[in-house]
Amino acid sequence: TGGLGDAAGFSFYPGKNLGAFGDGGAVTTN
């Protein structure tokens, strides 16, 4: 996931599988 469409939005909220120690996010695209 993250490379299946035109772009993807990720969250790094602490409870996520890849969680930060505060808020965070990322956009992935080709």
PDB file of all heavy atoms in Angstrom:
ATOM      1  N   THR A   1       0.851  -1.178   0.000  1.00  0.00           N
ATOM      2  CA  THR A   1       0.000   0.000   0.000  1.00  0.00           C
ATOM      3  C   THR A   1       0.892   1.235   0.000  1.00  0.00           C
ATOM      4  O   THR A   1       2.030   1.209   0.461  1.00  0.00           O
ATOM      5  CB  THR A   1      -0.908   0.021   1.240  1.00  0.00           C
ATOM      6  OG1 THR A   1      -0.089  -0.095   2.416  1.00  0.00           O
ATOM      7  CG2 THR A   1      -1.912  -1.121   1.208  1.00  0.00           C
ATOM      8  N   GLY A   2       0.362   2.315  -0.536  1.00  0.00           N
ATOM      9  CA  GLY A   2       1.145   3.545  -0.660  1.00  0.00           C
ATOM     10  C   GLY A   2       1.629   3.771  -2.073  1.00  0.00           C
ATOM     11  O   GLY A   2       2.003   4.886  -2.430  1.00  0.00           O
ATOM     12  N   GLY A   3       1.591   2.707  -2.887  1.00  0.00           N
ATOM     13  CA  GLY A   3       2.013   2.837  -4.281  1.00  0.00           C
ATOM     14  C   GLY A   3       1.011   2.213  -5.230  1.00  0.00           C
ATOM     15  O   GLY A   3       1.355   1.887  -6.372  1.00  0.00           O
ATOM     16  N   LEU A   4      -0.227   2.066  -4.781  1.00  0.00           N
ATOM     17  CA  LEU A   4      -1.253   1.384  -5.587  1.00  0.00           C
ATOM     18  C   LEU A   4      -2.065   2.343  -6.444  1.00  0.00           C
ATOM     19  O   LEU A   4      -2.597   1.947  -7.479  1.00  0.00           O
ATOM     20  CB  LEU A   4      -2.197   0.589  -4.673  1.00  0.00           C
ATOM     21  CG  LEU A   4      -1.530  -0.485  -3.800  1.00  0.00           C
ATOM     22  CD1 LEU A   4      -2.536  -1.066  -2.813  1.00  0.00           C
ATOM     23  CD2 LEU A   4      -0.946  -1.589  -4.676  1.00  0.00           C
ATOM     24  N   GLY A   5      -2.194   3.593  -6.012  1.00  0.00           N
ATOM     25  CA  GLY A   5      -2.968   4.579  -6.750  1.00  0.00           C
ATOM     26  C   GLY A   5      -2.090   5.726  -7.223  1.00  0.00           C
ATOM     27  O   GLY A   5      -0.882   5.577  -7.409  1.00  0.00           O
ATOM     28  N   ASP A   6      -2.716   6.888  -7.429  1.00  0.00           N
ATOM     29  CA  ASP A   6      -1.958   8.074  -7.855  1.00  0.00           C
ATOM     30  C   ASP A   6      -1.150   8.666  -6.702  1.00  0.00           C
ATOM     31  O   ASP A   6      -0.092   9.260  -6.911  1.00  0.00           O
ATOM     32  CB  ASP A   6      -2.920   9.127  -8.416  1.00  0.00           C
ATOM     33  CG  ASP A   6      -3.574   8.666  -9.702  1.00  0.00           C
ATOM     34  OD1 ASP A   6      -2.877   8.622 -10.736  1.00  0.00           O
ATOM     35  OD2 ASP A   6      -4.773   8.324  -9.677  1.00  0.00           O
ATOM     36  N   ALA A   7      -1.667   8.525  -5.498  1.00  0.00           N
ATOM     37  CA  ALA A   7      -0.979   9.011  -4.299  1.00  0.00           C
ATOM     38  C   ALA A   7      -1.638   8.365  -3.092  1.00  0.00           C
ATOM     39  O   ALA A   7      -2.742   7.825  -3.171  1.00  0.00           O
ATOM     40  CB  ALA A   7      -1.057  10.532  -4.200  1.00  0.00           C
ATOM     41  N   ALA A   8      -0.935   8.420  -1.963  1.00  0.00           N
ATOM     42  CA  ALA A   8      -1.474   7.846  -0.726  1.00  0.00           C
ATOM     43  C   ALA A   8      -1.158   8.750   0.449  1.00  0.00           C
ATOM     44  O   ALA A   8      -0.119   9.425   0.478  1.00  0.00           O
ATOM     45  CB  ALA A   8      -0.894   6.454  -0.480  1.00  0.00           C
ATOM     46  N   GLY A   9      -2.055   8.754   1.422  1.00  0.00           N
ATOM     47  CA  GLY A   9      -1.842   9.498   2.655  1.00  0.00           C
ATOM     48  C   GLY A   9      -1.679   8.542   3.822  1.00  0.00           C
ATOM     49  O   GLY A   9      -2.505   7.646   4.014  1.00  0.00           O
ATOM     50  N   PHE A  10      -0.600   8.709   4.586  1.00  0.00           N
ATOM     51  CA  PHE A  10      -0.326   7.890   5.769  1.00  0.00           C
ATOM     52  C   PHE A  10      -0.429   8.743   7.027  1.00  0.00           C
ATOM     53  O   PHE A  10      -0.127   9.940   7.013  1.00  0.00           O
ATOM     54  CB  PHE A  10       1.079   7.291   5.709  1.00  0.00           C
ATOM     55  CG  PHE A  10       1.231   6.129   4.781  1.00  0.00           C
ATOM     56  CD1 PHE A  10       1.586   6.342   3.451  1.00  0.00           C
ATOM     57  CD2 PHE A  10       1.029   4.829   5.214  1.00  0.00           C
ATOM     58  CE1 PHE A  10       1.746   5.275   2.583  1.00  0.00           C
ATOM     59  CE2 PHE A  10       1.184   3.754   4.348  1.00  0.00           C
ATOM     60  CZ  PHE A  10       1.537   3.973   3.026  1.00  0.00           C
ATOM     61  N   SER A  11      -0.821   8.105   8.110  1.00  0.00           N
ATOM     62  CA  SER A  11      -0.798   8.731   9.431  1.00  0.00           C
ATOM     63  C   SER A  11       0.251   8.032  10.279  1.00  0.00           C
ATOM     64  O   SER A  11       0.404   6.812  10.207  1.00  0.00           O
ATOM     65  CB  SER A  11      -2.166   8.596  10.111  1.00  0.00           C
ATOM     66  OG  SER A  11      -2.073   8.936  11.489  1.00  0.00           O
ATOM     67  N   PHE A  12       0.960   8.816  11.109  1.00  0.00           N
ATOM     68  CA  PHE A  12       1.899   8.253  12.069  1.00  0.00           C
ATOM     69  C   PHE A  12       1.430   8.555  13.496  1.00  0.00           C
ATOM     70  O   PHE A  12       2.242   8.682  14.418  1.00  0.00           O
ATOM     71  CB  PHE A  12       3.307   8.814  11.846  1.00  0.00           C
ATOM     72  CG  PHE A  12       3.851   8.535  10.470  1.00  0.00           C
ATOM     73  CD1 PHE A  12       4.391   9.559   9.696  1.00  0.00           C
ATOM     74  CD2 PHE A  12       3.810   7.256   9.935  1.00  0.00           C
ATOM     75  CE1 PHE A  12       4.892   9.310   8.434  1.00  0.00           C
ATOM     76  CE2 PHE A  12       4.310   6.998   8.660  1.00  0.00           C
ATOM     77  CZ  PHE A  12       4.847   8.023   7.909  1.00  0.00           C
ATOM     78  N   TYR A  13       0.117   8.659  13.663  1.00  0.00           N
ATOM     79  CA  TYR A  13      -0.456   8.801  15.006  1.00  0.00           C
ATOM     80  C   TYR A  13       0.127   7.698  15.895  1.00  0.00           C
ATOM     81  O   TYR A  13       0.375   6.588  15.427  1.00  0.00           O
ATOM     82  CB  TYR A  13      -1.976   8.692  14.908  1.00  0.00           C
ATOM     83  CG  TYR A  13      -2.718   8.841  16.202  1.00  0.00           C
ATOM     84  CD1 TYR A  13      -2.922  10.090  16.768  1.00  0.00           C
ATOM     85  CD2 TYR A  13      -3.245   7.717  16.856  1.00  0.00           C
ATOM     86  CE1 TYR A  13      -3.622  10.231  17.956  1.00  0.00           C
ATOM     87  CE2 TYR A  13      -3.938   7.847  18.050  1.00  0.00           C
ATOM     88  CZ  TYR A  13      -4.124   9.104  18.604  1.00  0.00           C
ATOM     89  OH  TYR A  13      -4.808   9.238  19.782  1.00  0.00           O
ATOM     90  N   PRO A  14       0.394   7.973  17.182  1.00  0.00           N
ATOM     91  CA  PRO A  14       1.121   7.009  18.023  1.00  0.00           C
ATOM     92  C   PRO A  14       0.586   5.576  18.022  1.00  0.00           C
ATOM     93  O   PRO A  14       1.361   4.626  18.156  1.00  0.00           O
ATOM     94  CB  PRO A  14       1.017   7.633  19.422  1.00  0.00           C
ATOM     95  CG  PRO A  14       0.960   9.096  19.156  1.00  0.00           C
ATOM     96  CD  PRO A  14       0.147   9.239  17.901  1.00  0.00           C
ATOM     97  N   GLY A  15      -0.732   5.401  17.865  1.00  0.00           N
ATOM     98  CA  GLY A  15      -1.293   4.058  17.907  1.00  0.00           C
ATOM     99  C   GLY A  15      -1.187   3.273  16.622  1.00  0.00           C
ATOM    100  O   GLY A  15      -1.549   2.089  16.574  1.00  0.00           O
ATOM    101  N   LYS A  16      -0.674   3.885  15.557  1.00  0.00           N
ATOM    102  CA  LYS A  16      -0.584   3.202  14.265  1.00  0.00           C
ATOM    103  C   LYS A  16       0.538   2.152  14.273  1.00  0.00           C
ATOM    104  O   LYS A  16       1.418   2.170  15.122  1.00  0.00           O
ATOM    105  CB  LYS A  16      -0.333   4.230  13.155  1.00  0.00           C
ATOM    106  CG  LYS A  16      -1.460   5.249  12.983  1.00  0.00           C
ATOM    107  CD  LYS A  16      -2.741   4.571  12.507  1.00  0.00           C
ATOM    108  CE  LYS A  16      -3.763   5.575  11.988  1.00  0.00           C
ATOM    109  NZ  LYS A  16      -4.585   6.177  13.024  1.00  0.00           N
ATOM    110  N   ASN A  17       0.513   1.254  13.281  1.00  0.00           N
ATOM    111  CA  ASN A  17       1.562   0.234  13.182  1.00  0.00           C
ATOM    112  C   ASN A  17       2.947   0.877  13.119  1.00  0.00           C
ATOM    113  O   ASN A  17       3.897   0.366  13.695  1.00  0.00           O
ATOM    114  CB  ASN A  17       1.346  -0.636  11.947  1.00  0.00           C
ATOM    115  CG  ASN A  17       0.115  -1.514  12.065  1.00  0.00           C
ATOM    116  OD1 ASN A  17      -0.930  -1.076  12.542  1.00  0.00           O
ATOM    117  ND2 ASN A  17       0.229  -2.761  11.631  1.00  0.00           N
ATOM    118  N   LEU A  18       3.059   1.968  12.393  1.00  0.00           N
ATOM    119  CA  LEU A  18       4.261   2.803  12.424  1.00  0.00           C
ATOM    120  C   LEU A  18       3.834   4.126  13.048  1.00  0.00           C
ATOM    121  O   LEU A  18       3.341   5.028  12.367  1.00  0.00           O
ATOM    122  CB  LEU A  18       4.834   3.019  11.019  1.00  0.00           C
ATOM    123  CG  LEU A  18       6.098   3.886  10.952  1.00  0.00           C
ATOM    124  CD1 LEU A  18       7.232   3.275  11.760  1.00  0.00           C
ATOM    125  CD2 LEU A  18       6.527   4.114   9.508  1.00  0.00           C
ATOM    126  N   GLY A  19       4.009   4.224  14.350  1.00  0.00           N
ATOM    127  CA  GLY A  19       3.519   5.392  15.071  1.00  0.00           C
ATOM    128  C   GLY A  19       4.641   6.267  15.580  1.00  0.00           C
ATOM    129  O   GLY A  19       5.685   5.783  16.040  1.00  0.00           O
ATOM    130  N   ALA A  20       4.436   7.571  15.500  1.00  0.00           N
ATOM    131  CA  ALA A  20       5.396   8.534  16.035  1.00  0.00           C
ATOM    132  C   ALA A  20       5.156   8.710  17.531  1.00  0.00           C
ATOM    133  O   ALA A  20       4.326   8.021  18.134  1.00  0.00           O
ATOM    134  CB  ALA A  20       5.250   9.867  15.297  1.00  0.00           C
ATOM    135  N   PHE A  21       5.868   9.643  18.140  1.00  0.00           N
ATOM    136  CA  PHE A  21       5.672   9.977  19.551  1.00  0.00           C
ATOM    137  C   PHE A  21       4.979  11.337  19.637  1.00  0.00           C
ATOM    138  O   PHE A  21       5.346  12.220  20.408  1.00  0.00           O
ATOM    139  CB  PHE A  21       7.013   9.960  20.287  1.00  0.00           C
ATOM    140  CG  PHE A  21       7.573   8.569  20.423  1.00  0.00           C
ATOM    141  CD1 PHE A  21       8.284   7.994  19.378  1.00  0.00           C
ATOM    142  CD2 PHE A  21       7.358   7.821  21.561  1.00  0.00           C
ATOM    143  CE1 PHE A  21       8.783   6.705  19.481  1.00  0.00           C
ATOM    144  CE2 PHE A  21       7.844   6.535  21.679  1.00  0.00           C
ATOM    145  CZ  PHE A  21       8.563   5.967  20.634  1.00  0.00           C
ATOM    146  N   GLY A  22       3.972  11.466  18.800  1.00  0.00           N
ATOM    147  CA  GLY A  22       3.193  12.681  18.624  1.00  0.00           C
ATOM    148  C   GLY A  22       2.514  12.538  17.283  1.00  0.00           C
ATOM    149  O   GLY A  22       2.410  11.426  16.752  1.00  0.00           O
ATOM    150  N   ASP A  23       2.052  13.617  16.704  1.00  0.00           N
ATOM    151  CA  ASP A  23       1.407  13.538  15.396  1.00  0.00           C
ATOM    152  C   ASP A  23       2.437  13.518  14.273  1.00  0.00           C
ATOM    153  O   ASP A  23       3.557  14.020  14.415  1.00  0.00           O
ATOM    154  CB  ASP A  23       0.461  14.722  15.182  1.00  0.00           C
ATOM    155  CG  ASP A  23      -0.956  14.409  15.638  1.00  0.00           C
ATOM    156  OD1 ASP A  23      -1.406  13.268  15.419  1.00  0.00           O
ATOM    157  OD2 ASP A  23      -1.611  15.305  16.198  1.00  0.00           O
ATOM    158  N   GLY A  24       2.026  12.963  13.146  1.00  0.00           N
ATOM    159  CA  GLY A  24       2.868  12.940  11.964  1.00  0.00           C
ATOM    160  C   GLY A  24       2.121  12.267  10.825  1.00  0.00           C
ATOM    161  O   GLY A  24       1.155  11.536  11.041  1.00  0.00           O
ATOM    162  N   GLY A  25       2.563  12.523   9.604  1.00  0.00           N
ATOM    163  CA  GLY A  25       1.939  11.908   8.437  1.00  0.00           C
ATOM    164  C   GLY A  25       2.865  11.987   7.245  1.00  0.00           C
ATOM    165  O   GLY A  25       3.952  12.587   7.315  1.00  0.00           O
ATOM    166  N   ALA A  26       2.444  11.373   6.140  1.00  0.00           N
ATOM    167  CA  ALA A  26       3.265  11.411   4.926  1.00  0.00           C
ATOM    168  C   ALA A  26       2.397  11.189   3.701  1.00  0.00           C
ATOM    169  O   ALA A  26       1.355  10.529   3.764  1.00  0.00           O
ATOM    170  CB  ALA A  26       4.369  10.359   4.970  1.00  0.00           C
ATOM    171  N   VAL A  27       2.849  11.736   2.598  1.00  0.00           N
ATOM    172  CA  VAL A  27       2.269  11.499   1.277  1.00  0.00           C
ATOM    173  C   VAL A  27       3.273  10.679   0.491  1.00  0.00           C
ATOM    174  O   VAL A  27       4.468  10.995   0.485  1.00  0.00           O
ATOM    175  CB  VAL A  27       1.986  12.829   0.546  1.00  0.00           C
ATOM    176  CG1 VAL A  27       1.575  12.570  -0.906  1.00  0.00           C
ATOM    177  CG2 VAL A  27       0.914  13.628   1.282  1.00  0.00           C
ATOM    178  N   THR A  28       2.794   9.630  -0.184  1.00  0.00           N
ATOM    179  CA  THR A  28       3.659   8.853  -1.075  1.00  0.00           C
ATOM    180  C   THR A  28       3.065   8.858  -2.479  1.00  0.00           C
ATOM    181  O   THR A  28       1.846   8.844  -2.651  1.00  0.00           O
ATOM    182  CB  THR A  28       3.818   7.393  -0.595  1.00  0.00           C
ATOM    183  OG1 THR A  28       2.522   6.777  -0.485  1.00  0.00           O
ATOM    184  CG2 THR A  28       4.522   7.341   0.751  1.00  0.00           C
ATOM    185  N   THR A  29       3.945   8.874  -3.480  1.00  0.00           N
ATOM    186  CA  THR A  29       3.488   8.923  -4.868  1.00  0.00           C
ATOM    187  C   THR A  29       4.653   8.609  -5.805  1.00  0.00           C
ATOM    188  O   THR A  29       5.829   8.713  -5.423  1.00  0.00           O
ATOM    189  CB  THR A  29       2.897  10.313  -5.207  1.00  0.00           C
ATOM    190  OG1 THR A  29       2.388  10.318  -6.545  1.00  0.00           O
ATOM    191  CG2 THR A  29       3.948  11.408  -5.059  1.00  0.00           C
ATOM    192  N   ASN A  30       4.322   8.274  -7.041  1.00  0.00           N
ATOM    193  CA  ASN A  30       5.328   8.117  -8.100  1.00  0.00           C
ATOM    194  C   ASN A  30       5.308   9.292  -9.075  1.00  0.00           C
ATOM    195  O   ASN A  30       6.050   9.297 -10.057  1.00  0.00           O
ATOM    196  CB  ASN A  30       5.086   6.815  -8.866  1.00  0.00           C
ATOM    197  CG  ASN A  30       5.533   5.599  -8.068  1.00  0.00           C
ATOM    198  OD1 ASN A  30       6.661   5.528  -7.587  1.00  0.00           O
ATOM    199  ND2 ASN A  30       4.633   4.628  -7.915  1.00  0.00           N
TER     200      ASN A  30
END
